Amino acid sequence: PGVMTTVQDWPGRLGHWDVGISPSGPMDDLSFRLGNVALGNPEGAPGLECTLAGPSLRFSHAAVVCVTGADAPVTVDGVPVPQWEPVDVPAGAVLDVGTPTGAGLRTYVLVRGALDVPGYLGSAATFSLGGFGGYTGRALVTGDVLVPAAVPDGAPATAVVPVEAPPALVHAWELAVQEGPQPAPTYFLREDMDMLYGATWQVQTHANRTGIRLSGPKPRWARPDGGEAGLHPSNLHDNPYSVGALNVSGD
């Protein structure tokens, strides 16, 4: 089943942040949606997201698939097949998706007709922390059986994804940031903020779909401790975090 292969759909499970339920859905939604469109599916139809090493999938019936996302070796019964275009998989054949060979961490396997997965709170996306959605609320394991839905009458024809359409996946990204409620001078020195903007930050192995830990230079801080919140100057009383916020911890 690969390192972590889950059923996702787009845009996921919207409208439940107030009770602690994230949307889930594909991390690289553009690659996911392009694969569906290439197969004539609705762009948000359920498919597979494969993190690091992808799965080996045996098809009991003939199907048409499209593998998108990060560049990775893809074969059908050992024969290399291209990404970003529909591929026929005969009945009994094995589709194997390998480990990405360059930038990018995730590949996507979409099937014409889409996966027939029941929705939960308006989405088929897997929310593994909550244990619901997708295939019984978890990543796939050996022996799981997924069923594609029938291709509806009048579905659009399949097509190759235009070469200019896929996202450009690179190893270094430049991100725009907006200072939040705890900038200089109360919590950080101005030089800390300049360091934040000017430094190169690296993704650590401590990363998942919930958050990504970055390593880089440490701030000097504008205060000696966290006051009532604790000893370290990074400590704060509990407060809401916006999606995409940078959380500067004590270590």
C-alpha atoms as a PDB file:
ATOM      1  CA  PRO A   1       0.000   0.000   0.000  1.00  0.00           C
ATOM      2  CA  GLY A   2       3.020   2.352   0.091  1.00  0.00           C
ATOM      3  CA  VAL A   3       4.159   4.420   3.061  1.00  0.00           C
ATOM      4  CA  MET A   4       0.851   6.259   3.460  1.00  0.00           C
ATOM      5  CA  THR A   5      -1.849   6.000   0.815  1.00  0.00           C
ATOM      6  CA  THR A   6      -5.230   7.544   1.575  1.00  0.00           C
ATOM      7  CA  VAL A   7      -8.467   8.294  -0.231  1.00  0.00           C
ATOM      8  CA  GLN A   8      -8.974  12.038  -0.693  1.00  0.00           C
ATOM      9  CA  ASP A   9     -11.355  14.297  -2.557  1.00  0.00           C
ATOM     10  CA  TRP A  10     -11.389  18.022  -3.263  1.00  0.00           C
ATOM     11  CA  PRO A  11     -12.114  20.477  -1.702  1.00  0.00           C
ATOM     12  CA  GLY A  12     -12.538  18.133   1.227  1.00  0.00           C
ATOM     13  CA  ARG A  13     -14.720  18.452   4.302  1.00  0.00           C
ATOM     14  CA  LEU A  14     -15.517  22.145   4.571  1.00  0.00           C
ATOM     15  CA  GLY A  15     -17.242  24.070   7.338  1.00  0.00           C
ATOM     16  CA  HIS A  16     -16.208  22.130  10.451  1.00  0.00           C
ATOM     17  CA  TRP A  17     -13.168  23.973  11.796  1.00  0.00           C
ATOM     18  CA  ASP A  18     -15.263  25.152  14.753  1.00  0.00           C
ATOM     19  CA  VAL A  19     -15.435  21.578  16.066  1.00  0.00           C
ATOM     20  CA  GLY A  20     -11.819  20.735  15.275  1.00  0.00           C
ATOM     21  CA  ILE A  21     -12.347  18.943  11.954  1.00  0.00           C
ATOM     22  CA  SER A  22     -10.004  20.038   9.190  1.00  0.00           C
ATOM     23  CA  PRO A  23     -11.008  19.865   5.510  1.00  0.00           C
ATOM     24  CA  SER A  24      -8.471  17.111   4.690  1.00  0.00           C
ATOM     25  CA  GLY A  25      -8.322  16.640   0.906  1.00  0.00           C
ATOM     26  CA  PRO A  26      -5.224  16.478  -1.333  1.00  0.00           C
ATOM     27  CA  MET A  27      -2.121  18.385  -0.265  1.00  0.00           C
ATOM     28  CA  ASP A  28      -1.370  19.154  -3.934  1.00  0.00           C
ATOM     29  CA  ASP A  29      -4.905  19.805  -5.084  1.00  0.00           C
ATOM     30  CA  LEU A  30      -3.872  21.063  -8.537  1.00  0.00           C
ATOM     31  CA  SER A  31      -2.182  17.768  -9.458  1.00  0.00           C
ATOM     32  CA  PHE A  32      -5.156  15.873  -8.046  1.00  0.00           C
ATOM     33  CA  ARG A  33      -7.719  17.899  -9.976  1.00  0.00           C
ATOM     34  CA  LEU A  34      -5.765  17.755 -13.242  1.00  0.00           C
ATOM     35  CA  GLY A  35      -5.677  13.963 -13.039  1.00  0.00           C
ATOM     36  CA  ASN A  36      -9.426  13.814 -12.614  1.00  0.00           C
ATOM     37  CA  VAL A  37     -10.073  16.205 -15.487  1.00  0.00           C
ATOM     38  CA  ALA A  38      -7.788  14.140 -17.743  1.00  0.00           C
ATOM     39  CA  LEU A  39     -10.005  11.124 -17.034  1.00  0.00           C
ATOM     40  CA  GLY A  40     -13.277  12.948 -17.620  1.00  0.00           C
ATOM     41  CA  ASN A  41     -14.160  12.866 -13.910  1.00  0.00           C
ATOM     42  CA  PRO A  42     -15.419  15.810 -11.871  1.00  0.00           C
ATOM     43  CA  GLU A  43     -12.253  17.585 -10.731  1.00  0.00           C
ATOM     44  CA  GLY A  44     -12.868  16.843  -7.057  1.00  0.00           C
ATOM     45  CA  ALA A  45     -13.822  13.161  -7.415  1.00  0.00           C
ATOM     46  CA  PRO A  46     -12.261  10.716  -4.893  1.00  0.00           C
ATOM     47  CA  GLY A  47      -8.814   9.330  -5.688  1.00  0.00           C
ATOM     48  CA  LEU A  48      -5.642   8.196  -3.932  1.00  0.00           C
ATOM     49  CA  GLU A  49      -2.932  10.366  -2.407  1.00  0.00           C
ATOM     50  CA  CYS A  50       0.385   8.503  -2.043  1.00  0.00           C
ATOM     51  CA  THR A  51       3.044   9.868   0.307  1.00  0.00           C
ATOM     52  CA  LEU A  52       6.659   8.864  -0.424  1.00  0.00           C
ATOM     53  CA  ALA A  53       6.600   5.333  -1.836  1.00  0.00           C
ATOM     54  CA  GLY A  54       3.374   4.655  -3.688  1.00  0.00           C
ATOM     55  CA  PRO A  55       1.298   1.483  -3.695  1.00  0.00           C
ATOM     56  CA  SER A  56       1.098  -1.628  -5.841  1.00  0.00           C
ATOM     57  CA  LEU A  57      -2.513  -1.974  -6.978  1.00  0.00           C
ATOM     58  CA  ARG A  58      -3.949  -5.082  -8.635  1.00  0.00           C
ATOM     59  CA  PHE A  59      -6.997  -4.416 -10.806  1.00  0.00           C
ATOM     60  CA  SER A  60      -9.623  -7.158 -10.938  1.00  0.00           C
ATOM     61  CA  HIS A  61     -11.302  -5.352 -13.841  1.00  0.00           C
ATOM     62  CA  ALA A  62      -9.918  -3.263 -16.679  1.00  0.00           C
ATOM     63  CA  ALA A  63      -9.639   0.425 -15.822  1.00  0.00           C
ATOM     64  CA  VAL A  64      -8.212   3.712 -17.029  1.00  0.00           C
ATOM     65  CA  VAL A  65      -5.970   5.569 -14.580  1.00  0.00           C
ATOM     66  CA  CYS A  66      -3.939   8.755 -14.461  1.00  0.00           C
ATOM     67  CA  VAL A  67      -0.975   9.218 -12.106  1.00  0.00           C
ATOM     68  CA  THR A  68      -0.009  12.815 -11.319  1.00  0.00           C
ATOM     69  CA  GLY A  69       1.961  14.763  -8.725  1.00  0.00           C
ATOM     70  CA  ALA A  70       5.673  14.326  -8.093  1.00  0.00           C
ATOM     71  CA  ASP A  71       7.772  12.572 -10.737  1.00  0.00           C
ATOM     72  CA  ALA A  72       7.987   8.880  -9.872  1.00  0.00           C
ATOM     73  CA  PRO A  73       8.484   5.578 -11.698  1.00  0.00           C
ATOM     74  CA  VAL A  74       5.101   4.133 -12.699  1.00  0.00           C
ATOM     75  CA  THR A  75       4.649   0.705 -14.269  1.00  0.00           C
ATOM     76  CA  VAL A  76       1.852  -1.611 -15.363  1.00  0.00           C
ATOM     77  CA  ASP A  77       2.980  -5.228 -15.007  1.00  0.00           C
ATOM     78  CA  GLY A  78       6.560  -3.987 -14.964  1.00  0.00           C
ATOM     79  CA  VAL A  79       6.273  -1.913 -18.137  1.00  0.00           C
ATOM     80  CA  PRO A  80       6.925   1.838 -17.628  1.00  0.00           C
ATOM     81  CA  VAL A  81       3.947   4.091 -18.344  1.00  0.00           C
ATOM     82  CA  PRO A  82       3.755   7.906 -18.384  1.00  0.00           C
ATOM     83  CA  GLN A  83       2.322  10.215 -15.782  1.00  0.00           C
ATOM     84  CA  TRP A  84      -0.125  13.025 -16.559  1.00  0.00           C
ATOM     85  CA  GLU A  85      -2.067  11.060 -19.152  1.00  0.00           C
ATOM     86  CA  PRO A  86      -4.720   8.325 -19.122  1.00  0.00           C
ATOM     87  CA  VAL A  87      -3.297   4.792 -19.079  1.00  0.00           C
ATOM     88  CA  ASP A  88      -5.206   1.563 -19.738  1.00  0.00           C
ATOM     89  CA  VAL A  89      -4.769  -1.075 -17.040  1.00  0.00           C
ATOM     90  CA  PRO A  90      -5.964  -4.550 -18.136  1.00  0.00           C
ATOM     91  CA  ALA A  91      -7.920  -6.816 -15.817  1.00  0.00           C
ATOM     92  CA  GLY A  92      -5.523  -8.658 -13.509  1.00  0.00           C
ATOM     93  CA  ALA A  93      -2.657  -6.218 -14.093  1.00  0.00           C
ATOM     94  CA  VAL A  94      -0.650  -4.514 -11.343  1.00  0.00           C
ATOM     95  CA  LEU A  95      -0.115  -0.760 -11.305  1.00  0.00           C
ATOM     96  CA  ASP A  96       3.010   0.081  -9.314  1.00  0.00           C
ATOM     97  CA  VAL A  97       3.818   3.637  -8.205  1.00  0.00           C
ATOM     98  CA  GLY A  98       7.365   4.118  -6.939  1.00  0.00           C
ATOM     99  CA  THR A  99       9.151   6.707  -4.824  1.00  0.00           C
ATOM    100  CA  PRO A 100       9.401  10.283  -6.169  1.00  0.00           C
ATOM    101  CA  THR A 101      12.729  10.858  -7.880  1.00  0.00           C
ATOM    102  CA  GLY A 102      13.014  14.635  -7.530  1.00  0.00           C
ATOM    103  CA  ALA A 103      11.157  17.487  -5.883  1.00  0.00           C
ATOM    104  CA  GLY A 104       7.781  16.711  -4.388  1.00  0.00           C
ATOM    105  CA  LEU A 105       6.616  14.146  -1.865  1.00  0.00           C
ATOM    106  CA  ARG A 106       3.205  13.008  -3.066  1.00  0.00           C
ATOM    107  CA  THR A 107       1.776  11.300  -6.120  1.00  0.00           C
ATOM    108  CA  TYR A 108      -1.885  10.845  -7.009  1.00  0.00           C
ATOM    109  CA  VAL A 109      -3.682   7.887  -8.567  1.00  0.00           C
ATOM    110  CA  LEU A 110      -7.007   8.761 -10.176  1.00  0.00           C
ATOM    111  CA  VAL A 111      -9.343   6.231 -11.812  1.00  0.00           C
ATOM    112  CA  ARG A 112     -11.850   6.942 -14.580  1.00  0.00           C
ATOM    113  CA  GLY A 113     -15.267   6.916 -12.961  1.00  0.00           C
ATOM    114  CA  ALA A 114     -13.617   7.778  -9.602  1.00  0.00           C
ATOM    115  CA  LEU A 115     -13.476   5.650  -6.473  1.00  0.00           C
ATOM    116  CA  ASP A 116     -16.841   4.668  -5.038  1.00  0.00           C
ATOM    117  CA  VAL A 117     -16.325   5.751  -1.430  1.00  0.00           C
ATOM    118  CA  PRO A 118     -19.117   6.840   0.937  1.00  0.00           C
ATOM    119  CA  GLY A 119     -19.100  10.434   2.098  1.00  0.00           C
ATOM    120  CA  TYR A 120     -18.930  11.552   5.717  1.00  0.00           C
ATOM    121  CA  LEU A 121     -19.905  15.101   6.650  1.00  0.00           C
ATOM    122  CA  GLY A 122     -20.061  15.930   2.981  1.00  0.00           C
ATOM    123  CA  SER A 123     -16.732  14.471   1.843  1.00  0.00           C
ATOM    124  CA  ALA A 124     -14.955  11.190   1.096  1.00  0.00           C
ATOM    125  CA  ALA A 125     -11.593  12.603   2.248  1.00  0.00           C
ATOM    126  CA  THR A 126      -9.686  10.634   4.879  1.00  0.00           C
ATOM    127  CA  PHE A 127      -9.266  12.358   8.251  1.00  0.00           C
ATOM    128  CA  SER A 128      -6.940   9.884   9.944  1.00  0.00           C
ATOM    129  CA  LEU A 129      -6.741  11.765  13.265  1.00  0.00           C
ATOM    130  CA  GLY A 130     -10.517  11.528  13.593  1.00  0.00           C
ATOM    131  CA  GLY A 131     -10.707   8.023  12.147  1.00  0.00           C
ATOM    132  CA  PHE A 132     -13.362   8.759   9.540  1.00  0.00           C
ATOM    133  CA  GLY A 133     -13.741   9.367   5.828  1.00  0.00           C
ATOM    134  CA  GLY A 134     -11.969   7.556   3.017  1.00  0.00           C
ATOM    135  CA  TYR A 135     -11.477   3.818   3.481  1.00  0.00           C
ATOM    136  CA  THR A 136     -12.728   3.186   7.051  1.00  0.00           C
ATOM    137  CA  GLY A 137     -11.000   6.346   8.252  1.00  0.00           C
ATOM    138  CA  ARG A 138      -7.408   5.216   7.755  1.00  0.00           C
ATOM    139  CA  ALA A 139      -4.548   4.766   5.322  1.00  0.00           C
ATOM    140  CA  LEU A 140      -4.718   1.721   3.065  1.00  0.00           C
ATOM    141  CA  VAL A 141      -3.156  -1.577   4.131  1.00  0.00           C
ATOM    142  CA  THR A 142      -2.396  -4.759   2.217  1.00  0.00           C
ATOM    143  CA  GLY A 143      -5.566  -6.562   1.201  1.00  0.00           C
ATOM    144  CA  ASP A 144      -7.893  -3.555   1.091  1.00  0.00           C
ATOM    145  CA  VAL A 145     -10.314  -3.547  -1.845  1.00  0.00           C
ATOM    146  CA  LEU A 146     -11.489  -0.334  -3.503  1.00  0.00           C
ATOM    147  CA  VAL A 147     -14.238  -0.210  -6.111  1.00  0.00           C
ATOM    148  CA  PRO A 148     -14.394   2.338  -8.949  1.00  0.00           C
ATOM    149  CA  ALA A 149     -17.771   3.833  -9.724  1.00  0.00           C
ATOM    150  CA  ALA A 150     -19.336   3.280 -13.131  1.00  0.00           C
ATOM    151  CA  VAL A 151     -18.492   5.876 -15.753  1.00  0.00           C
ATOM    152  CA  PRO A 152     -21.696   7.879 -16.270  1.00  0.00           C
ATOM    153  CA  ASP A 153     -23.257   8.217 -19.691  1.00  0.00           C
ATOM    154  CA  GLY A 154     -22.070  11.349 -21.420  1.00  0.00           C
ATOM    155  CA  ALA A 155     -18.878  11.640 -19.360  1.00  0.00           C
ATOM    156  CA  PRO A 156     -16.196  13.753 -21.077  1.00  0.00           C
ATOM    157  CA  ALA A 157     -13.561  11.919 -23.084  1.00  0.00           C
ATOM    158  CA  THR A 158     -10.127  11.309 -21.612  1.00  0.00           C
ATOM    159  CA  ALA A 159      -7.273  13.645 -22.537  1.00  0.00           C
ATOM    160  CA  VAL A 160      -3.583  14.197 -21.850  1.00  0.00           C
ATOM    161  CA  VAL A 161      -2.844  16.936 -19.295  1.00  0.00           C
ATOM    162  CA  PRO A 162      -1.350  19.929 -21.188  1.00  0.00           C
ATOM    163  CA  VAL A 163       2.385  20.153 -20.600  1.00  0.00           C
ATOM    164  CA  GLU A 164       2.118  23.660 -19.138  1.00  0.00           C
ATOM    165  CA  ALA A 165      -0.630  22.756 -16.642  1.00  0.00           C
ATOM    166  CA  PRO A 166       1.133  20.757 -13.864  1.00  0.00           C
ATOM    167  CA  PRO A 167       2.543  22.696 -10.909  1.00  0.00           C
ATOM    168  CA  ALA A 168       6.269  23.445 -10.877  1.00  0.00           C
ATOM    169  CA  LEU A 169       7.676  21.370  -8.010  1.00  0.00           C
ATOM    170  CA  VAL A 170      11.041  22.594  -6.734  1.00  0.00           C
ATOM    171  CA  HIS A 171      13.234  22.072  -3.676  1.00  0.00           C
ATOM    172  CA  ALA A 172      13.348  25.757  -2.646  1.00  0.00           C
ATOM    173  CA  TRP A 173      10.296  27.986  -2.216  1.00  0.00           C
ATOM    174  CA  GLU A 174       9.964  31.685  -1.473  1.00  0.00           C
ATOM    175  CA  LEU A 175       6.943  32.326   0.733  1.00  0.00           C
ATOM    176  CA  ALA A 176       5.054  35.520   1.481  1.00  0.00           C
ATOM    177  CA  VAL A 177       4.329  36.135   5.167  1.00  0.00           C
ATOM    178  CA  GLN A 178       2.216  38.575   7.156  1.00  0.00           C
ATOM    179  CA  GLU A 179       3.185  39.562  10.699  1.00  0.00           C
ATOM    180  CA  GLY A 180       0.654  38.353  13.238  1.00  0.00           C
ATOM    181  CA  PRO A 181      -0.323  39.539  16.729  1.00  0.00           C
ATOM    182  CA  GLN A 182       3.029  38.654  18.352  1.00  0.00           C
ATOM    183  CA  PRO A 183       5.734  40.420  16.320  1.00  0.00           C
ATOM    184  CA  ALA A 184       8.435  42.865  17.415  1.00  0.00           C
ATOM    185  CA  PRO A 185       8.905  44.599  19.766  1.00  0.00           C
ATOM    186  CA  THR A 186       6.805  42.822  22.434  1.00  0.00           C
ATOM    187  CA  TYR A 187       7.926  39.250  21.772  1.00  0.00           C
ATOM    188  CA  PHE A 188      10.690  39.458  19.156  1.00  0.00           C
ATOM    189  CA  LEU A 189      13.516  41.854  18.544  1.00  0.00           C
ATOM    190  CA  ARG A 190      13.391  43.622  15.215  1.00  0.00           C
ATOM    191  CA  GLU A 191      16.521  41.725  14.264  1.00  0.00           C
ATOM    192  CA  ASP A 192      14.624  38.496  14.982  1.00  0.00           C
ATOM    193  CA  MET A 193      12.020  39.466  12.408  1.00  0.00           C
ATOM    194  CA  ASP A 194      14.709  40.400   9.883  1.00  0.00           C
ATOM    195  CA  MET A 195      16.321  37.015  10.508  1.00  0.00           C
ATOM    196  CA  LEU A 196      12.979  35.289   9.941  1.00  0.00           C
ATOM    197  CA  TYR A 197      12.583  36.969   6.560  1.00  0.00           C
ATOM    198  CA  GLY A 198      16.177  36.550   5.427  1.00  0.00           C
ATOM    199  CA  ALA A 199      17.032  33.026   6.575  1.00  0.00           C
ATOM    200  CA  THR A 200      16.773  29.810   4.595  1.00  0.00           C
ATOM    201  CA  TRP A 201      14.582  27.345   6.481  1.00  0.00           C
ATOM    202  CA  GLN A 202      14.698  23.597   5.930  1.00  0.00           C
ATOM    203  CA  VAL A 203      11.876  21.096   6.333  1.00  0.00           C
ATOM    204  CA  GLN A 204      12.700  18.516   9.003  1.00  0.00           C
ATOM    205  CA  THR A 205      11.595  14.907   9.074  1.00  0.00           C
ATOM    206  CA  HIS A 206       9.017  15.922  11.705  1.00  0.00           C
ATOM    207  CA  ALA A 207       6.338  16.739   9.133  1.00  0.00           C
ATOM    208  CA  ASN A 208       2.894  15.423   8.314  1.00  0.00           C
ATOM    209  CA  ARG A 209      -0.443  16.613   6.940  1.00  0.00           C
ATOM    210  CA  THR A 210      -1.085  18.628  10.114  1.00  0.00           C
ATOM    211  CA  GLY A 211       2.153  20.595  10.318  1.00  0.00           C
ATOM    212  CA  ILE A 212       5.709  20.923   9.048  1.00  0.00           C
ATOM    213  CA  ARG A 213       8.651  21.597  11.336  1.00  0.00           C
ATOM    214  CA  LEU A 214      11.352  23.925  10.004  1.00  0.00           C
ATOM    215  CA  SER A 215      14.948  24.225  11.166  1.00  0.00           C
ATOM    216  CA  GLY A 216      16.903  27.473  11.060  1.00  0.00           C
ATOM    217  CA  PRO A 217      18.476  30.182  13.239  1.00  0.00           C
ATOM    218  CA  LYS A 218      17.056  30.826  16.699  1.00  0.00           C
ATOM    219  CA  PRO A 219      15.583  34.193  17.722  1.00  0.00           C
ATOM    220  CA  ARG A 220      17.080  36.162  20.611  1.00  0.00           C
ATOM    221  CA  TRP A 221      13.615  37.231  21.901  1.00  0.00           C
ATOM    222  CA  ALA A 222      12.611  40.620  23.287  1.00  0.00           C
ATOM    223  CA  ARG A 223      11.719  39.373  26.769  1.00  0.00           C
ATOM    224  CA  PRO A 224      13.428  37.108  29.305  1.00  0.00           C
ATOM    225  CA  ASP A 225      10.505  34.729  29.914  1.00  0.00           C
ATOM    226  CA  GLY A 226       6.867  34.033  29.124  1.00  0.00           C
ATOM    227  CA  GLY A 227       5.488  35.695  32.226  1.00  0.00           C
ATOM    228  CA  GLU A 228       2.346  34.001  33.507  1.00  0.00           C
ATOM    229  CA  ALA A 229       2.443  31.608  30.542  1.00  0.00           C
ATOM    230  CA  GLY A 230       5.739  29.985  31.582  1.00  0.00           C
ATOM    231  CA  LEU A 231       9.491  30.309  31.820  1.00  0.00           C
ATOM    232  CA  HIS A 232      10.483  30.368  28.166  1.00  0.00           C
ATOM    233  CA  PRO A 233       9.933  33.611  26.211  1.00  0.00           C
ATOM    234  CA  SER A 234       8.119  31.648  23.488  1.00  0.00           C
ATOM    235  CA  ASN A 235       5.358  30.614  25.917  1.00  0.00           C
ATOM    236  CA  LEU A 236       1.919  32.144  25.399  1.00  0.00           C
ATOM    237  CA  HIS A 237      -1.514  31.717  26.875  1.00  0.00           C
ATOM    238  CA  ASP A 238      -3.648  29.573  24.584  1.00  0.00           C
ATOM    239  CA  ASN A 239      -4.884  31.507  21.589  1.00  0.00           C
ATOM    240  CA  PRO A 240      -6.263  30.653  18.137  1.00  0.00           C
ATOM    241  CA  TYR A 241      -3.878  30.027  15.251  1.00  0.00           C
ATOM    242  CA  SER A 242      -4.787  30.861  11.690  1.00  0.00           C
ATOM    243  CA  VAL A 243      -4.304  28.243   8.979  1.00  0.00           C
ATOM    244  CA  GLY A 244      -0.742  28.485   7.711  1.00  0.00           C
ATOM    245  CA  ALA A 245       0.603  30.255  10.804  1.00  0.00           C
ATOM    246  CA  LEU A 246       4.267  30.008  11.823  1.00  0.00           C
ATOM    247  CA  ASN A 247       4.578  28.865  15.434  1.00  0.00           C
ATOM    248  CA  VAL A 248       7.996  29.685  16.944  1.00  0.00           C
ATOM    249  CA  SER A 249       8.736  27.184  19.713  1.00  0.00           C
ATOM    250  CA  GLY A 250      11.269  27.189  22.517  1.00  0.00           C
ATOM    251  CA  ASP A 251      13.706  24.783  20.882  1.00  0.00           C
END
